[in-house]
N, C-alpha and C. Protein backbone atom coordinates (compact mmCIF):
# COMPACT_ATOMS: atom_id res chain seq x y z
N MET A 1 -184.90 -11.17 -13.44
CA MET A 1 -185.66 -10.82 -14.63
C MET A 1 -186.31 -9.47 -14.32
N PRO A 2 -186.55 -8.72 -15.23
CA PRO A 2 -187.44 -7.50 -14.81
C PRO A 2 -188.47 -7.53 -14.55
N SER A 3 -189.33 -8.59 -14.68
CA SER A 3 -190.77 -8.85 -14.09
C SER A 3 -190.51 -9.24 -12.62
N GLY A 4 -189.41 -9.26 -12.02
CA GLY A 4 -189.51 -9.93 -10.61
C GLY A 4 -188.89 -11.16 -10.65
N ARG A 5 -189.53 -12.06 -11.72
CA ARG A 5 -188.80 -13.64 -11.58
C ARG A 5 -187.90 -13.55 -11.31
N LEU A 6 -187.09 -14.77 -10.16
CA LEU A 6 -186.15 -15.07 -10.06
C LEU A 6 -185.55 -16.46 -10.32
N VAL A 7 -184.32 -16.31 -11.39
CA VAL A 7 -184.06 -17.87 -11.60
C VAL A 7 -182.52 -17.56 -11.44
N ARG A 8 -182.22 -18.62 -10.92
CA ARG A 8 -180.62 -18.82 -10.59
C ARG A 8 -180.05 -19.43 -11.98
N GLY A 9 -178.77 -18.94 -12.20
CA GLY A 9 -177.99 -19.36 -13.37
C GLY A 9 -176.51 -19.94 -12.54
N ARG A 10 -175.82 -21.03 -12.72
CA ARG A 10 -174.89 -21.60 -12.02
C ARG A 10 -174.10 -22.90 -12.96
N GLY A 11 -172.81 -22.99 -12.78
CA GLY A 11 -172.17 -23.91 -13.11
C GLY A 11 -172.05 -25.36 -12.29
N LEU A 12 -172.23 -26.21 -12.99
CA LEU A 12 -172.41 -27.46 -12.23
C LEU A 12 -171.12 -28.06 -11.71
N ARG A 13 -169.63 -27.43 -12.12
CA ARG A 13 -168.64 -27.77 -11.68
C ARG A 13 -168.24 -27.25 -10.41
N LYS A 14 -169.21 -26.30 -10.03
CA LYS A 14 -168.90 -25.61 -8.54
C LYS A 14 -169.89 -26.29 -7.70
N PRO A 15 -169.51 -26.04 -6.46
CA PRO A 15 -170.37 -26.86 -5.59
C PRO A 15 -171.90 -25.90 -5.44
N LEU A 16 -172.72 -26.86 -5.11
CA LEU A 16 -174.21 -26.21 -4.78
C LEU A 16 -174.10 -25.23 -4.01
N PRO A 17 -174.49 -23.56 -4.32
CA PRO A 17 -174.60 -22.75 -3.55
C PRO A 17 -175.48 -23.04 -2.17
N SER A 18 -175.15 -22.40 -1.34
CA SER A 18 -176.03 -22.46 0.10
C SER A 18 -177.32 -21.81 -0.22
N GLY A 19 -178.10 -22.11 0.60
CA GLY A 19 -179.60 -21.57 0.53
C GLY A 19 -180.74 -22.81 0.08
N ALA A 20 -181.73 -22.32 -0.11
CA ALA A 20 -182.83 -23.18 -0.21
C ALA A 20 -182.61 -23.75 -1.85
N ALA A 21 -182.77 -25.18 -2.22
CA ALA A 21 -182.71 -25.97 -2.99
C ALA A 21 -183.63 -25.63 -4.33
N PRO A 22 -183.49 -25.80 -5.36
CA PRO A 22 -184.54 -25.23 -6.50
C PRO A 22 -185.70 -26.53 -6.35
N SER A 23 -186.81 -25.93 -6.99
CA SER A 23 -187.66 -27.02 -7.09
C SER A 23 -187.84 -27.61 -8.66
N PHE A 24 -187.04 -26.57 -9.23
CA PHE A 24 -187.13 -27.23 -10.82
C PHE A 24 -185.67 -26.65 -11.28
N GLY A 25 -185.16 -27.32 -12.39
CA GLY A 25 -184.10 -27.03 -13.13
C GLY A 25 -183.95 -27.71 -14.30
N VAL A 26 -183.18 -26.52 -15.16
CA VAL A 26 -182.80 -26.94 -16.49
C VAL A 26 -181.31 -26.99 -16.60
N TYR A 27 -181.23 -28.37 -17.23
CA TYR A 27 -179.55 -28.57 -17.40
C TYR A 27 -179.09 -28.43 -18.80
N LEU A 28 -178.16 -27.83 -19.42
CA LEU A 28 -177.68 -27.41 -20.32
C LEU A 28 -176.59 -28.30 -20.52
N LEU A 29 -176.53 -29.48 -21.21
CA LEU A 29 -175.44 -30.13 -21.14
C LEU A 29 -175.74 -31.12 -22.37
N GLY A 30 -174.01 -31.46 -22.82
CA GLY A 30 -173.95 -32.66 -24.26
C GLY A 30 -174.43 -33.95 -23.88
N LYS A 31 -174.46 -34.15 -22.59
CA LYS A 31 -174.69 -35.45 -22.13
C LYS A 31 -175.69 -35.84 -21.14
N PRO A 32 -176.31 -36.57 -20.58
CA PRO A 32 -177.33 -36.39 -19.29
C PRO A 32 -176.61 -35.80 -18.23
N PRO A 33 -177.46 -34.99 -17.33
CA PRO A 33 -176.87 -34.16 -16.28
C PRO A 33 -176.83 -35.38 -14.95
N PRO A 34 -176.02 -34.97 -13.99
CA PRO A 34 -176.16 -35.73 -12.63
C PRO A 34 -177.40 -35.61 -12.28
N GLU A 35 -177.65 -36.48 -11.58
CA GLU A 35 -179.15 -36.60 -10.50
C GLU A 35 -179.47 -35.68 -9.60
N VAL A 36 -180.50 -35.00 -9.53
CA VAL A 36 -180.80 -33.90 -8.46
C VAL A 36 -182.11 -34.61 -7.81
N ASP A 37 -182.25 -33.87 -6.46
CA ASP A 37 -183.34 -33.98 -5.88
C ASP A 37 -184.79 -33.34 -6.03
N TRP A 38 -184.72 -32.55 -7.26
CA TRP A 38 -185.96 -31.69 -7.51
C TRP A 38 -186.12 -32.07 -9.13
N GLU A 39 -187.39 -31.89 -9.63
CA GLU A 39 -187.82 -31.95 -11.16
C GLU A 39 -186.98 -31.06 -11.85
N SER A 40 -186.58 -31.92 -12.98
CA SER A 40 -185.70 -31.38 -14.00
C SER A 40 -185.72 -31.76 -15.25
N ARG A 41 -185.20 -30.57 -16.02
CA ARG A 41 -185.11 -31.41 -17.57
C ARG A 41 -183.77 -30.80 -18.18
N TRP A 42 -183.66 -31.88 -19.20
CA TRP A 42 -182.27 -32.04 -19.79
C TRP A 42 -182.39 -31.44 -21.02
N LEU A 43 -181.75 -30.32 -21.25
CA LEU A 43 -181.88 -29.66 -22.96
C LEU A 43 -180.27 -30.12 -23.64
N ARG A 44 -180.21 -31.18 -24.34
CA ARG A 44 -179.23 -31.38 -24.68
C ARG A 44 -178.69 -30.27 -25.67
N TRP A 45 -177.36 -29.95 -24.85
CA TRP A 45 -176.81 -28.43 -25.32
C TRP A 45 -175.18 -28.45 -25.29
N PRO A 46 -174.49 -29.04 -26.23
CA PRO A 46 -173.22 -29.18 -26.22
C PRO A 46 -172.33 -27.84 -26.00
N ASP A 47 -171.19 -28.07 -25.19
CA ASP A 47 -170.30 -26.75 -25.16
C ASP A 47 -170.13 -25.98 -26.12
N PHE A 48 -170.08 -24.64 -25.90
CA PHE A 48 -169.58 -23.83 -27.16
C PHE A 48 -170.77 -23.82 -28.00
N ARG A 49 -171.71 -24.39 -28.02
CA ARG A 49 -172.63 -24.57 -29.10
C ARG A 49 -174.12 -23.94 -28.86
N LEU A 50 -175.25 -24.39 -29.70
CA LEU A 50 -176.28 -24.19 -29.55
C LEU A 50 -177.33 -25.42 -29.04
N PRO A 51 -178.25 -25.07 -28.78
CA PRO A 51 -179.31 -26.59 -28.60
C PRO A 51 -179.30 -27.39 -29.59
N GLY A 52 -179.45 -28.38 -29.34
CA GLY A 52 -179.49 -29.41 -30.47
C GLY A 52 -181.03 -29.19 -30.89
N ASP A 53 -182.18 -29.07 -30.33
CA ASP A 53 -183.37 -28.85 -31.11
C ASP A 53 -183.84 -27.66 -30.36
N ARG A 54 -184.09 -26.76 -31.46
CA ARG A 54 -184.44 -25.26 -31.06
C ARG A 54 -185.73 -25.33 -30.56
N ALA A 55 -186.77 -26.02 -31.12
CA ALA A 55 -187.93 -25.74 -30.60
C ALA A 55 -188.01 -26.48 -29.23
N GLN A 56 -187.59 -27.38 -28.83
CA GLN A 56 -187.57 -28.01 -27.77
C GLN A 56 -186.76 -27.27 -26.76
N ALA A 57 -185.94 -26.50 -26.85
CA ALA A 57 -185.21 -25.49 -25.96
C ALA A 57 -186.47 -24.07 -25.66
N ARG A 58 -186.93 -23.95 -26.97
CA ARG A 58 -188.04 -22.91 -26.92
C ARG A 58 -189.23 -23.16 -25.74
N GLU A 59 -189.44 -24.51 -25.66
CA GLU A 59 -190.34 -24.96 -24.78
C GLU A 59 -190.16 -25.07 -23.67
N VAL A 60 -188.85 -25.73 -23.18
CA VAL A 60 -188.17 -25.87 -21.88
C VAL A 60 -188.04 -24.63 -21.32
N LEU A 61 -187.24 -23.43 -22.07
CA LEU A 61 -186.99 -22.24 -21.15
C LEU A 61 -188.61 -21.52 -21.05
N ARG A 62 -189.70 -21.70 -21.98
CA ARG A 62 -190.92 -20.96 -21.81
C ARG A 62 -191.27 -21.82 -20.32
N GLU A 63 -191.17 -22.93 -20.26
CA GLU A 63 -191.79 -23.75 -18.86
C GLU A 63 -190.90 -23.14 -17.62
N ALA A 64 -189.64 -23.08 -17.84
CA ALA A 64 -189.13 -22.56 -17.03
C ALA A 64 -189.22 -21.16 -16.39
N TRP A 65 -189.44 -20.19 -17.36
CA TRP A 65 -190.00 -18.50 -17.25
C TRP A 65 -191.35 -18.93 -16.18
N GLU A 66 -192.53 -19.89 -17.10
CA GLU A 66 -193.45 -19.75 -16.10
C GLU A 66 -193.39 -20.32 -14.70
N ARG A 67 -192.25 -21.23 -14.59
CA ARG A 67 -192.15 -21.63 -13.17
C ARG A 67 -191.94 -20.89 -12.19
N ALA A 68 -190.69 -19.83 -12.88
CA ALA A 68 -189.99 -18.98 -11.60
C ALA A 68 -191.11 -17.88 -11.62
N GLY A 69 -192.10 -17.95 -11.68
CA GLY A 69 -193.24 -16.86 -11.17
C GLY A 69 -193.87 -17.31 -9.91
N ALA A 70 -193.42 -18.83 -9.64
CA ALA A 70 -193.87 -19.22 -8.10
C ALA A 70 -193.16 -19.98 -7.41
N GLU A 71 -191.94 -20.74 -8.66
CA GLU A 71 -191.02 -21.62 -7.78
C GLU A 71 -189.60 -21.21 -7.87
N ARG A 72 -188.86 -21.78 -7.05
CA ARG A 72 -187.26 -21.79 -7.37
C ARG A 72 -186.85 -22.32 -8.54
N VAL A 73 -186.20 -21.60 -9.51
CA VAL A 73 -185.82 -22.10 -10.71
C VAL A 73 -184.30 -22.15 -10.98
N GLU A 74 -183.76 -22.97 -11.71
CA GLU A 74 -182.01 -22.74 -11.81
C GLU A 74 -181.96 -23.28 -13.15
N LEU A 75 -180.90 -22.59 -14.27
CA LEU A 75 -180.47 -22.92 -15.08
C LEU A 75 -179.14 -23.40 -14.96
N ALA A 76 -178.27 -24.38 -15.66
CA ALA A 76 -176.96 -24.45 -15.17
C ALA A 76 -176.34 -25.42 -16.48
N CYS A 77 -175.04 -24.96 -16.77
CA CYS A 77 -174.43 -25.94 -17.75
C CYS A 77 -173.08 -26.28 -16.62
N ALA A 78 -171.99 -26.53 -17.28
CA ALA A 78 -170.76 -27.20 -16.53
C ALA A 78 -170.12 -26.05 -15.97
N GLY A 79 -170.06 -24.99 -16.60
CA GLY A 79 -169.19 -23.52 -16.18
C GLY A 79 -169.90 -22.41 -15.81
N GLY A 80 -171.34 -22.53 -16.26
CA GLY A 80 -172.48 -21.57 -15.95
C GLY A 80 -172.30 -19.91 -16.53
N ARG A 81 -171.43 -19.94 -17.56
CA ARG A 81 -171.25 -18.96 -18.35
C ARG A 81 -171.94 -19.08 -20.02
N GLY A 82 -171.41 -19.91 -20.74
CA GLY A 82 -171.80 -19.51 -22.50
C GLY A 82 -173.26 -20.17 -22.40
N ARG A 83 -173.66 -21.43 -22.17
CA ARG A 83 -175.15 -22.10 -22.24
C ARG A 83 -175.72 -21.42 -21.27
N THR A 84 -175.40 -21.39 -19.98
CA THR A 84 -176.60 -20.54 -19.06
C THR A 84 -176.66 -19.09 -19.31
N GLY A 85 -175.61 -18.45 -19.93
CA GLY A 85 -175.70 -17.11 -20.13
C GLY A 85 -176.88 -17.07 -21.20
N THR A 86 -176.33 -17.62 -22.14
CA THR A 86 -177.56 -17.74 -23.35
C THR A 86 -178.70 -17.99 -23.12
N ALA A 87 -179.43 -19.09 -22.14
CA ALA A 87 -180.48 -19.33 -21.79
C ALA A 87 -180.94 -18.35 -21.07
N LEU A 88 -180.33 -17.65 -20.06
CA LEU A 88 -180.89 -16.62 -18.94
C LEU A 88 -181.15 -15.43 -20.29
N ALA A 89 -180.44 -15.31 -21.18
CA ALA A 89 -180.71 -14.33 -22.05
C ALA A 89 -182.16 -14.31 -22.89
N CYS A 90 -182.26 -15.82 -23.22
CA CYS A 90 -183.54 -16.09 -23.88
C CYS A 90 -184.72 -15.73 -22.79
N LEU A 91 -184.58 -16.16 -21.46
CA LEU A 91 -185.40 -16.02 -20.50
C LEU A 91 -185.75 -14.47 -20.43
N ALA A 92 -184.80 -13.40 -20.75
CA ALA A 92 -185.20 -12.29 -20.64
C ALA A 92 -185.88 -11.50 -21.61
N VAL A 93 -185.62 -12.35 -23.10
CA VAL A 93 -186.68 -12.14 -24.04
C VAL A 93 -187.83 -12.55 -23.73
N ILE A 94 -188.16 -13.76 -23.12
CA ILE A 94 -189.51 -14.06 -22.74
C ILE A 94 -190.19 -12.96 -21.72
N ASP A 95 -189.42 -12.91 -20.88
CA ASP A 95 -189.75 -11.82 -19.95
C ASP A 95 -189.87 -10.21 -20.36
N GLY A 96 -189.78 -9.74 -21.80
CA GLY A 96 -189.90 -8.79 -22.20
C GLY A 96 -188.64 -7.59 -22.48
N VAL A 97 -187.52 -8.10 -22.40
CA VAL A 97 -186.46 -7.45 -22.73
C VAL A 97 -186.20 -7.61 -24.14
N PRO A 98 -185.75 -6.68 -25.17
CA PRO A 98 -185.71 -6.78 -26.50
C PRO A 98 -184.62 -7.57 -26.80
N ALA A 99 -184.72 -8.66 -27.88
CA ALA A 99 -183.60 -9.40 -28.01
C ALA A 99 -181.97 -8.92 -28.18
N GLY A 100 -182.38 -7.72 -29.16
CA GLY A 100 -181.35 -7.17 -29.09
C GLY A 100 -180.28 -6.45 -27.93
N GLU A 101 -181.09 -6.49 -26.81
CA GLU A 101 -180.32 -6.05 -25.59
C GLU A 101 -180.53 -7.23 -24.47
N ALA A 102 -180.81 -8.10 -24.70
CA ALA A 102 -181.04 -9.46 -23.71
C ALA A 102 -179.50 -10.04 -23.28
N VAL A 103 -178.23 -9.81 -24.27
CA VAL A 103 -177.26 -10.05 -23.69
C VAL A 103 -176.55 -9.17 -22.80
N ALA A 104 -176.78 -8.09 -23.31
CA ALA A 104 -175.96 -6.93 -22.26
C ALA A 104 -177.14 -7.13 -21.10
N TYR A 105 -178.19 -7.41 -21.31
CA TYR A 105 -178.76 -7.46 -20.01
C TYR A 105 -178.28 -8.35 -18.73
N VAL A 106 -178.08 -9.43 -19.64
CA VAL A 106 -177.46 -10.84 -18.99
C VAL A 106 -176.23 -10.60 -18.07
N ARG A 107 -175.38 -9.92 -18.94
CA ARG A 107 -174.23 -9.44 -18.83
C ARG A 107 -173.98 -8.28 -17.50
N GLU A 108 -174.93 -7.78 -17.22
CA GLU A 108 -174.99 -6.63 -16.45
C GLU A 108 -175.60 -6.94 -15.24
N HIS A 109 -176.27 -8.36 -15.34
CA HIS A 109 -177.23 -8.78 -13.93
C HIS A 109 -176.73 -10.03 -13.26
N TYR A 110 -176.10 -10.87 -14.28
CA TYR A 110 -175.53 -12.17 -13.94
C TYR A 110 -174.21 -12.44 -14.07
N ASP A 111 -173.42 -12.36 -15.00
CA ASP A 111 -172.12 -12.67 -15.02
C ASP A 111 -171.66 -11.74 -16.58
N SER A 112 -170.52 -10.92 -16.19
CA SER A 112 -169.97 -9.93 -17.31
C SER A 112 -169.27 -10.87 -18.42
N HIS A 113 -169.26 -12.04 -18.44
CA HIS A 113 -168.69 -12.97 -19.57
C HIS A 113 -169.69 -14.02 -20.22
N ALA A 114 -171.23 -13.74 -19.51
CA ALA A 114 -171.94 -14.41 -19.96
C ALA A 114 -172.02 -14.87 -21.55
N VAL A 115 -172.30 -15.49 -22.28
CA VAL A 115 -172.82 -15.44 -23.50
C VAL A 115 -171.36 -15.79 -24.26
N GLU A 116 -170.72 -16.68 -24.35
CA GLU A 116 -169.46 -16.90 -24.95
C GLU A 116 -168.82 -16.69 -26.60
N THR A 117 -170.11 -17.49 -27.11
CA THR A 117 -169.47 -17.15 -28.67
C THR A 117 -170.28 -16.28 -29.47
N PRO A 118 -170.04 -16.09 -30.60
CA PRO A 118 -170.50 -15.15 -31.66
C PRO A 118 -172.13 -16.05 -31.77
N TRP A 119 -171.99 -17.24 -31.89
CA TRP A 119 -173.02 -17.77 -32.60
C TRP A 119 -174.31 -17.80 -31.49
N GLN A 120 -173.72 -17.90 -30.25
CA GLN A 120 -174.74 -17.91 -29.08
C GLN A 120 -175.26 -16.28 -28.96
N LYS A 121 -174.66 -15.37 -29.25
CA LYS A 121 -174.95 -13.89 -29.27
C LYS A 121 -176.17 -13.80 -30.36
N ARG A 122 -176.05 -14.36 -31.59
CA ARG A 122 -177.02 -14.49 -32.63
C ARG A 122 -178.14 -15.04 -32.31
N TYR A 123 -177.82 -16.12 -31.68
CA TYR A 123 -179.17 -17.24 -31.40
C TYR A 123 -179.91 -16.22 -30.48
N VAL A 124 -179.71 -15.43 -29.68
CA VAL A 124 -180.19 -14.70 -28.43
C VAL A 124 -180.81 -13.83 -29.57
N ALA A 125 -180.21 -12.77 -30.19
CA ALA A 125 -180.54 -11.53 -31.12
C ALA A 125 -181.86 -12.46 -32.16
N ARG A 126 -181.99 -13.57 -32.35
CA ARG A 126 -182.91 -13.83 -32.99
C ARG A 126 -183.99 -14.79 -32.68
N PHE A 127 -183.56 -14.86 -31.25
CA PHE A 127 -184.66 -15.44 -30.42
C PHE A 127 -186.30 -14.79 -30.04
N SER A 128 -187.30 -15.48 -30.36
CA SER A 128 -188.47 -14.80 -30.13
C SER A 128 -189.43 -15.38 -29.14
N ALA A 129 -189.91 -14.58 -28.24
CA ALA A 129 -190.99 -15.32 -27.14
C ALA A 129 -191.84 -16.04 -28.08
């Protein structure tokens, strides 16, 4: 993030990356996530869609951003691009990136294919910190 906060995005279909495990994770899935050895939150978010509860999404993403100031945080969905990219773009908005620039920011700094659908792009553009 521009502020220096580090948040790892990843796809759960891929092996856990090397390095230290996160202390907090947010899992963006349509069904409950697999068990992990660290504190986590499940945000119901079906593939190629938007979060089921947008107020809860704002709350959980705000918590992830706050915790990233002092902890290792990860955001993950199955593939690591659409939902994860959208959530990372929302964190970028919380971190001060203008909503209209957040998708481009995430594509430049995380994955050039992040935020996969037009409605995910609109969600980020309308997201407010």
